[in-house]
Amino acid sequence: MIRHLVFPLILVLVANTAQALFLLRERIDIPVNAISATEFEVVRGSFASPANMWCAAGTYAERALGYTGDRIWVKSGIAPTANGRSMVFSIEPVSPERTSYSYGIRNAGETKSMAAALGACDPLEERVFVRTSQGTIRAW
């Protein structure tokens, strides 16, 4: 009798685990729009974490802008815009500068080294994609 109850329970657990793992592997598309030669908007997509947004900003600065500098800055923190909830990053210093160990997205002046921004990209996940007007860039 117990055997007949355990097997269906195991099937349900396995099915739910597989579904949860699929959701964890969901592709994250993060649109990035150029504002000027030094500023760009990162739009928070579905399932995008603050770390994913820093990853997208670092990837865009390095690969789309050809930026070779050491740091990037938040020009304006996350807020509703015409494109959805987004924030503006800059490759030029922003005052007042705020260095933080977290991946903050609310305050202007937040800054990260390029290594920290790109370090937010998890090469094992391979699921963050930066969408620009020139095409899509895989972030890792």
N, C-alpha and C. Protein backbone atom coordinates (compact mmCIF):
# COMPACT_ATOMS: atom_id res chain seq x y z
N MET A 1 0.82 -1.21 0.00
CA MET A 1 0.00 0.00 0.00
C MET A 1 0.86 1.27 0.00
N ILE A 2 1.87 1.30 0.88
CA ILE A 2 2.72 2.50 0.95
C ILE A 2 3.49 2.69 -0.34
N ARG A 3 3.91 1.59 -0.96
CA ARG A 3 4.62 1.67 -2.22
C ARG A 3 3.79 2.37 -3.29
N HIS A 4 2.50 2.14 -3.31
CA HIS A 4 1.61 2.74 -4.30
C HIS A 4 1.44 4.24 -4.06
N LEU A 5 1.66 4.69 -2.85
CA LEU A 5 1.56 6.13 -2.55
C LEU A 5 2.89 6.84 -2.76
N VAL A 6 3.98 6.16 -2.53
CA VAL A 6 5.30 6.78 -2.62
C VAL A 6 5.68 7.06 -4.07
N PHE A 7 5.42 6.13 -4.98
CA PHE A 7 5.82 6.31 -6.37
C PHE A 7 5.17 7.55 -7.00
N PRO A 8 3.85 7.76 -6.88
CA PRO A 8 3.27 8.99 -7.43
C PRO A 8 3.85 10.26 -6.78
N LEU A 9 4.13 10.19 -5.49
CA LEU A 9 4.71 11.34 -4.81
C LEU A 9 6.09 11.66 -5.38
N ILE A 10 6.89 10.65 -5.65
CA ILE A 10 8.22 10.85 -6.25
C ILE A 10 8.08 11.46 -7.64
N LEU A 11 7.13 11.00 -8.43
CA LEU A 11 6.91 11.57 -9.77
C LEU A 11 6.56 13.05 -9.69
N VAL A 12 5.70 13.42 -8.76
CA VAL A 12 5.32 14.82 -8.60
C VAL A 12 6.53 15.66 -8.20
N LEU A 13 7.33 15.17 -7.27
CA LEU A 13 8.53 15.90 -6.84
C LEU A 13 9.52 16.08 -7.98
N VAL A 14 9.74 15.03 -8.76
CA VAL A 14 10.67 15.12 -9.89
C VAL A 14 10.15 16.10 -10.92
N ALA A 15 8.87 16.05 -11.24
CA ALA A 15 8.29 16.96 -12.22
C ALA A 15 8.40 18.41 -11.75
N ASN A 16 8.11 18.68 -10.48
CA ASN A 16 8.20 20.04 -9.96
C ASN A 16 9.64 20.53 -9.92
N THR A 17 10.58 19.66 -9.61
CA THR A 17 11.99 20.04 -9.60
C THR A 17 12.45 20.40 -11.01
N ALA A 18 12.06 19.61 -12.00
CA ALA A 18 12.43 19.89 -13.39
C ALA A 18 11.85 21.23 -13.84
N GLN A 19 10.61 21.51 -13.46
CA GLN A 19 10.00 22.78 -13.82
C GLN A 19 10.73 23.94 -13.14
N ALA A 20 11.10 23.79 -11.89
CA ALA A 20 11.83 24.84 -11.17
C ALA A 20 13.19 25.07 -11.81
N LEU A 21 13.88 24.02 -12.21
CA LEU A 21 15.18 24.18 -12.86
C LEU A 21 15.05 24.87 -14.20
N PHE A 22 13.96 24.59 -14.95
CA PHE A 22 13.73 25.26 -16.21
C PHE A 22 13.56 26.76 -16.00
N LEU A 23 12.80 27.13 -14.97
CA LEU A 23 12.60 28.55 -14.69
C LEU A 23 13.90 29.23 -14.29
N LEU A 24 14.78 28.52 -13.59
CA LEU A 24 16.07 29.09 -13.23
C LEU A 24 16.94 29.33 -14.46
N ARG A 25 16.72 28.57 -15.50
CA ARG A 25 17.50 28.71 -16.73
C ARG A 25 16.86 29.65 -17.74
N GLU A 26 15.77 30.31 -17.36
CA GLU A 26 15.06 31.22 -18.25
C GLU A 26 16.02 32.27 -18.81
N ARG A 27 15.94 32.51 -20.08
CA ARG A 27 16.78 33.52 -20.73
C ARG A 27 16.36 34.90 -20.24
N ILE A 28 17.34 35.73 -19.95
CA ILE A 28 17.08 37.10 -19.49
C ILE A 28 17.57 38.06 -20.56
N ASP A 29 16.64 38.72 -21.25
CA ASP A 29 16.97 39.73 -22.24
C ASP A 29 16.92 41.09 -21.56
N ILE A 30 18.01 41.84 -21.66
CA ILE A 30 18.08 43.16 -21.05
C ILE A 30 18.34 44.18 -22.16
N PRO A 31 17.32 44.98 -22.50
CA PRO A 31 17.52 46.01 -23.52
C PRO A 31 18.44 47.12 -23.01
N VAL A 32 19.34 47.57 -23.87
CA VAL A 32 20.22 48.69 -23.56
C VAL A 32 20.12 49.69 -24.71
N ASN A 33 19.84 50.94 -24.36
CA ASN A 33 19.67 52.00 -25.35
C ASN A 33 20.72 53.07 -25.18
N ALA A 34 21.41 53.41 -26.27
CA ALA A 34 22.41 54.47 -26.23
C ALA A 34 21.71 55.81 -26.03
N ILE A 35 22.24 56.62 -25.13
CA ILE A 35 21.74 57.98 -24.93
C ILE A 35 22.72 58.97 -25.54
N SER A 36 24.00 58.75 -25.31
CA SER A 36 25.06 59.57 -25.89
C SER A 36 26.28 58.68 -26.04
N ALA A 37 27.40 59.28 -26.37
CA ALA A 37 28.64 58.49 -26.54
C ALA A 37 29.14 57.94 -25.20
N THR A 38 28.67 58.51 -24.08
CA THR A 38 29.16 58.08 -22.78
C THR A 38 28.07 57.59 -21.83
N GLU A 39 26.80 57.70 -22.23
CA GLU A 39 25.69 57.30 -21.37
C GLU A 39 24.76 56.33 -22.09
N PHE A 40 24.19 55.40 -21.32
CA PHE A 40 23.27 54.43 -21.90
C PHE A 40 22.26 54.00 -20.85
N GLU A 41 21.08 53.64 -21.34
CA GLU A 41 19.97 53.22 -20.48
C GLU A 41 19.90 51.70 -20.47
N VAL A 42 19.81 51.12 -19.28
CA VAL A 42 19.64 49.67 -19.11
C VAL A 42 18.23 49.46 -18.59
N VAL A 43 17.41 48.74 -19.36
CA VAL A 43 16.00 48.50 -19.01
C VAL A 43 15.91 47.18 -18.26
N ARG A 44 15.26 47.23 -17.11
CA ARG A 44 15.14 46.02 -16.29
C ARG A 44 14.09 45.10 -16.90
N GLY A 45 14.52 43.97 -17.41
CA GLY A 45 13.62 43.00 -18.00
C GLY A 45 13.05 42.07 -16.94
N SER A 46 12.18 41.19 -17.38
CA SER A 46 11.61 40.18 -16.48
C SER A 46 12.73 39.31 -15.91
N PHE A 47 12.65 39.00 -14.66
CA PHE A 47 13.60 38.15 -13.95
C PHE A 47 15.00 38.76 -13.79
N ALA A 48 15.22 39.99 -14.23
CA ALA A 48 16.56 40.60 -14.14
C ALA A 48 16.82 41.09 -12.71
N SER A 49 17.91 40.66 -12.16
CA SER A 49 18.32 41.09 -10.82
C SER A 49 19.20 42.33 -10.95
N PRO A 50 19.47 43.02 -9.86
CA PRO A 50 20.42 44.14 -9.92
C PRO A 50 21.79 43.70 -10.46
N ALA A 51 22.25 42.52 -10.07
CA ALA A 51 23.53 42.02 -10.58
C ALA A 51 23.47 41.83 -12.09
N ASN A 52 22.32 41.34 -12.61
CA ASN A 52 22.16 41.18 -14.06
C ASN A 52 22.25 42.52 -14.77
N MET A 53 21.72 43.58 -14.14
CA MET A 53 21.76 44.91 -14.76
C MET A 53 23.19 45.45 -14.80
N TRP A 54 23.97 45.23 -13.73
CA TRP A 54 25.38 45.63 -13.75
C TRP A 54 26.13 44.81 -14.79
N CYS A 55 25.82 43.53 -14.91
CA CYS A 55 26.42 42.67 -15.92
C CYS A 55 26.15 43.24 -17.31
N ALA A 56 24.89 43.60 -17.57
CA ALA A 56 24.52 44.17 -18.88
C ALA A 56 25.24 45.48 -19.13
N ALA A 57 25.35 46.32 -18.10
CA ALA A 57 26.03 47.61 -18.25
C ALA A 57 27.51 47.41 -18.57
N GLY A 58 28.17 46.51 -17.85
CA GLY A 58 29.58 46.24 -18.11
C GLY A 58 29.80 45.64 -19.49
N THR A 59 28.93 44.71 -19.86
CA THR A 59 29.03 44.07 -21.18
C THR A 59 28.85 45.10 -22.29
N TYR A 60 27.83 45.96 -22.15
CA TYR A 60 27.57 46.97 -23.17
C TYR A 60 28.75 47.95 -23.27
N ALA A 61 29.23 48.42 -22.11
CA ALA A 61 30.34 49.38 -22.11
C ALA A 61 31.57 48.79 -22.80
N GLU A 62 31.87 47.54 -22.48
CA GLU A 62 33.06 46.91 -23.04
C GLU A 62 32.91 46.53 -24.51
N ARG A 63 31.81 45.86 -24.84
CA ARG A 63 31.69 45.30 -26.20
C ARG A 63 31.05 46.23 -27.21
N ALA A 64 30.07 47.03 -26.79
CA ALA A 64 29.41 47.92 -27.75
C ALA A 64 30.12 49.27 -27.86
N LEU A 65 30.58 49.80 -26.71
CA LEU A 65 31.24 51.11 -26.72
C LEU A 65 32.76 51.00 -26.87
N GLY A 66 33.29 49.81 -26.67
CA GLY A 66 34.74 49.64 -26.74
C GLY A 66 35.45 50.29 -25.56
N TYR A 67 34.75 50.43 -24.45
CA TYR A 67 35.28 51.10 -23.27
C TYR A 67 36.38 50.26 -22.63
N THR A 68 37.53 50.89 -22.37
CA THR A 68 38.65 50.19 -21.76
C THR A 68 39.00 50.78 -20.39
N GLY A 69 38.14 51.66 -19.89
CA GLY A 69 38.39 52.29 -18.60
C GLY A 69 38.21 51.32 -17.45
N ASP A 70 38.40 51.85 -16.24
CA ASP A 70 38.38 51.01 -15.05
C ASP A 70 37.03 50.94 -14.36
N ARG A 71 36.18 51.98 -14.49
CA ARG A 71 34.93 52.04 -13.71
C ARG A 71 33.75 52.47 -14.57
N ILE A 72 32.54 52.10 -14.11
CA ILE A 72 31.31 52.65 -14.66
C ILE A 72 30.47 53.17 -13.50
N TRP A 73 29.58 54.12 -13.81
CA TRP A 73 28.79 54.80 -12.78
C TRP A 73 27.31 54.75 -13.12
N VAL A 74 26.48 54.83 -12.09
CA VAL A 74 25.03 54.99 -12.26
C VAL A 74 24.77 56.49 -12.34
N LYS A 75 24.24 56.95 -13.46
CA LYS A 75 23.90 58.36 -13.63
C LYS A 75 22.56 58.66 -12.97
N SER A 76 21.58 57.78 -13.17
CA SER A 76 20.29 57.91 -12.48
C SER A 76 19.81 56.51 -12.10
N GLY A 77 19.35 56.39 -10.85
CA GLY A 77 18.91 55.11 -10.33
C GLY A 77 17.66 54.59 -11.01
N ILE A 78 17.31 53.38 -10.69
CA ILE A 78 16.15 52.74 -11.32
C ILE A 78 14.88 53.53 -11.06
N ALA A 79 14.13 53.74 -12.12
CA ALA A 79 12.89 54.51 -12.04
C ALA A 79 12.03 54.18 -13.25
N PRO A 80 10.72 54.42 -13.15
CA PRO A 80 9.86 54.20 -14.32
C PRO A 80 10.21 55.19 -15.44
N THR A 81 10.30 54.70 -16.65
CA THR A 81 10.54 55.53 -17.83
C THR A 81 9.59 55.09 -18.93
N ALA A 82 9.70 55.72 -20.07
CA ALA A 82 8.87 55.34 -21.22
C ALA A 82 9.16 53.91 -21.67
N ASN A 83 10.37 53.42 -21.40
CA ASN A 83 10.77 52.06 -21.81
C ASN A 83 10.53 51.01 -20.73
N GLY A 84 9.97 51.40 -19.59
CA GLY A 84 9.81 50.49 -18.45
C GLY A 84 10.69 50.96 -17.32
N ARG A 85 10.92 50.11 -16.35
CA ARG A 85 11.81 50.48 -15.24
C ARG A 85 13.24 50.37 -15.74
N SER A 86 13.96 51.48 -15.68
CA SER A 86 15.32 51.48 -16.21
C SER A 86 16.21 52.41 -15.40
N MET A 87 17.47 52.35 -15.71
CA MET A 87 18.46 53.23 -15.09
C MET A 87 19.48 53.63 -16.13
N VAL A 88 20.16 54.74 -15.87
CA VAL A 88 21.15 55.25 -16.80
C VAL A 88 22.54 55.06 -16.20
N PHE A 89 23.43 54.48 -17.01
CA PHE A 89 24.82 54.30 -16.64
C PHE A 89 25.68 55.26 -17.45
N SER A 90 26.87 55.55 -16.92
CA SER A 90 27.81 56.43 -17.60
C SER A 90 29.22 55.85 -17.49
N ILE A 91 30.02 56.11 -18.52
CA ILE A 91 31.43 55.72 -18.45
C ILE A 91 32.28 56.93 -18.03
N GLU A 92 31.61 58.03 -17.67
CA GLU A 92 32.29 59.20 -17.11
C GLU A 92 31.86 59.35 -15.66
N PRO A 93 32.75 59.86 -14.79
CA PRO A 93 32.43 59.99 -13.37
C PRO A 93 31.15 60.80 -13.12
N VAL A 94 30.41 60.37 -12.09
CA VAL A 94 29.18 61.02 -11.67
C VAL A 94 29.34 61.41 -10.20
N SER A 95 28.93 62.62 -9.86
CA SER A 95 29.01 63.07 -8.45
C SER A 95 27.64 63.02 -7.82
N PRO A 96 27.52 62.75 -6.54
CA PRO A 96 28.59 62.27 -5.67
C PRO A 96 28.84 60.79 -5.91
N GLU A 97 30.09 60.40 -5.86
CA GLU A 97 30.45 59.01 -6.11
C GLU A 97 30.17 58.16 -4.88
N ARG A 98 29.55 57.00 -5.08
CA ARG A 98 29.23 56.07 -3.99
C ARG A 98 29.76 54.70 -4.35
N THR A 99 30.76 54.26 -3.62
CA THR A 99 31.29 52.92 -3.83
C THR A 99 30.58 51.98 -2.86
N SER A 100 30.14 50.84 -3.37
CA SER A 100 29.38 49.91 -2.55
C SER A 100 29.79 48.48 -2.90
N TYR A 101 29.65 47.59 -1.94
CA TYR A 101 29.94 46.18 -2.20
C TYR A 101 28.73 45.45 -2.76
N SER A 102 27.56 46.07 -2.69
CA SER A 102 26.37 45.44 -3.25
C SER A 102 26.17 45.95 -4.68
N TYR A 103 25.25 45.33 -5.38
CA TYR A 103 24.94 45.76 -6.74
C TYR A 103 23.76 46.73 -6.70
N GLY A 104 23.98 47.90 -6.09
CA GLY A 104 22.92 48.90 -5.94
C GLY A 104 22.48 49.46 -7.27
N ILE A 105 21.18 49.71 -7.38
CA ILE A 105 20.64 50.27 -8.63
C ILE A 105 19.74 51.47 -8.36
N ARG A 106 19.68 51.93 -7.11
CA ARG A 106 18.75 53.01 -6.78
C ARG A 106 19.38 54.39 -6.76
N ASN A 107 20.67 54.49 -6.46
CA ASN A 107 21.28 55.79 -6.22
C ASN A 107 22.21 56.23 -7.34
N ALA A 108 22.05 57.48 -7.75
CA ALA A 108 22.99 58.07 -8.69
C ALA A 108 24.35 58.13 -8.02
N GLY A 109 25.39 57.90 -8.79
CA GLY A 109 26.74 57.94 -8.26
C GLY A 109 27.30 56.59 -7.86
N GLU A 110 26.41 55.55 -7.77
CA GLU A 110 26.92 54.21 -7.47
C GLU A 110 27.97 53.88 -8.53
N THR A 111 29.06 53.30 -8.12
CA THR A 111 30.12 52.96 -9.06
C THR A 111 30.67 51.57 -8.78
N LYS A 112 31.08 50.93 -9.84
CA LYS A 112 31.71 49.61 -9.76
C LYS A 112 32.89 49.61 -10.72
N SER A 113 33.88 48.80 -10.38
CA SER A 113 34.96 48.58 -11.34
C SER A 113 34.38 47.76 -12.49
N MET A 114 35.02 47.85 -13.63
CA MET A 114 34.57 47.04 -14.77
C MET A 114 34.68 45.56 -14.41
N ALA A 115 35.71 45.20 -13.65
CA ALA A 115 35.87 43.79 -13.24
C ALA A 115 34.69 43.34 -12.40
N ALA A 116 34.21 44.20 -11.50
CA ALA A 116 33.06 43.84 -10.65
C ALA A 116 31.78 43.76 -11.49
N ALA A 117 31.60 44.71 -12.41
CA ALA A 117 30.40 44.68 -13.26
C ALA A 117 30.39 43.43 -14.13
N LEU A 118 31.51 43.14 -14.76
CA LEU A 118 31.58 41.94 -15.60
C LEU A 118 31.59 40.67 -14.75
N GLY A 119 32.07 40.78 -13.52
CA GLY A 119 32.05 39.64 -12.61
C GLY A 119 30.64 39.25 -12.20
N ALA A 120 29.69 40.16 -12.38
CA ALA A 120 28.28 39.86 -12.09
C ALA A 120 27.69 38.93 -13.15
N CYS A 121 28.38 38.79 -14.27
CA CYS A 121 27.95 37.87 -15.33
C CYS A 121 28.45 36.48 -14.96
N ASP A 122 27.54 35.55 -14.82
CA ASP A 122 27.91 34.19 -14.44
C ASP A 122 28.12 33.36 -15.70
N PRO A 123 29.37 32.98 -15.99
CA PRO A 123 29.63 32.21 -17.22
C PRO A 123 28.97 30.83 -17.22
N LEU A 124 28.63 30.33 -16.05
CA LEU A 124 27.96 29.03 -15.99
C LEU A 124 26.48 29.13 -16.33
N GLU A 125 25.90 30.31 -16.10
CA GLU A 125 24.47 30.48 -16.40
C GLU A 125 24.25 30.68 -17.89
N GLU A 126 25.06 31.48 -18.53
CA GLU A 126 24.94 31.77 -19.96
C GLU A 126 23.51 32.14 -20.36
N ARG A 127 22.86 32.97 -19.54
CA ARG A 127 21.47 33.26 -19.84
C ARG A 127 21.14 34.74 -19.91
N VAL A 128 22.12 35.62 -19.68
CA VAL A 128 21.89 37.05 -19.78
C VAL A 128 22.31 37.52 -21.16
N PHE A 129 21.38 38.18 -21.86
CA PHE A 129 21.64 38.68 -23.20
C PHE A 129 21.34 40.17 -23.23
N VAL A 130 22.28 40.95 -23.77
CA VAL A 130 22.13 42.39 -23.88
C VAL A 130 21.60 42.70 -25.27
N ARG A 131 20.43 43.30 -25.33
CA ARG A 131 19.78 43.61 -26.61
C ARG A 131 20.01 45.08 -26.95
N THR A 132 20.69 45.36 -28.05
CA THR A 132 20.97 46.73 -28.47
C THR A 132 20.37 46.96 -29.85
N SER A 133 20.48 48.19 -30.33
CA SER A 133 19.97 48.49 -31.67
C SER A 133 20.82 47.81 -32.74
N GLN A 134 22.06 47.42 -32.40
CA GLN A 134 22.93 46.73 -33.36
C GLN A 134 22.79 45.21 -33.31
N GLY A 135 22.08 44.69 -32.33
CA GLY A 135 21.91 43.24 -32.22
C GLY A 135 21.98 42.78 -30.77
N THR A 136 22.16 41.48 -30.59
CA THR A 136 22.18 40.89 -29.26
C THR A 136 23.59 40.44 -28.90
N ILE A 137 23.99 40.73 -27.65
CA ILE A 137 25.32 40.34 -27.16
C ILE A 137 25.11 39.39 -25.98
N ARG A 138 25.72 38.23 -26.03
CA ARG A 138 25.66 37.31 -24.89
C ARG A 138 26.62 37.80 -23.83
N ALA A 139 26.14 37.94 -22.62
CA ALA A 139 26.95 38.49 -21.52
C ALA A 139 27.63 37.38 -20.75
N TRP A 140 28.92 37.20 -20.99
CA TRP A 140 29.77 36.32 -20.19
C TRP A 140 31.12 36.25 -20.75
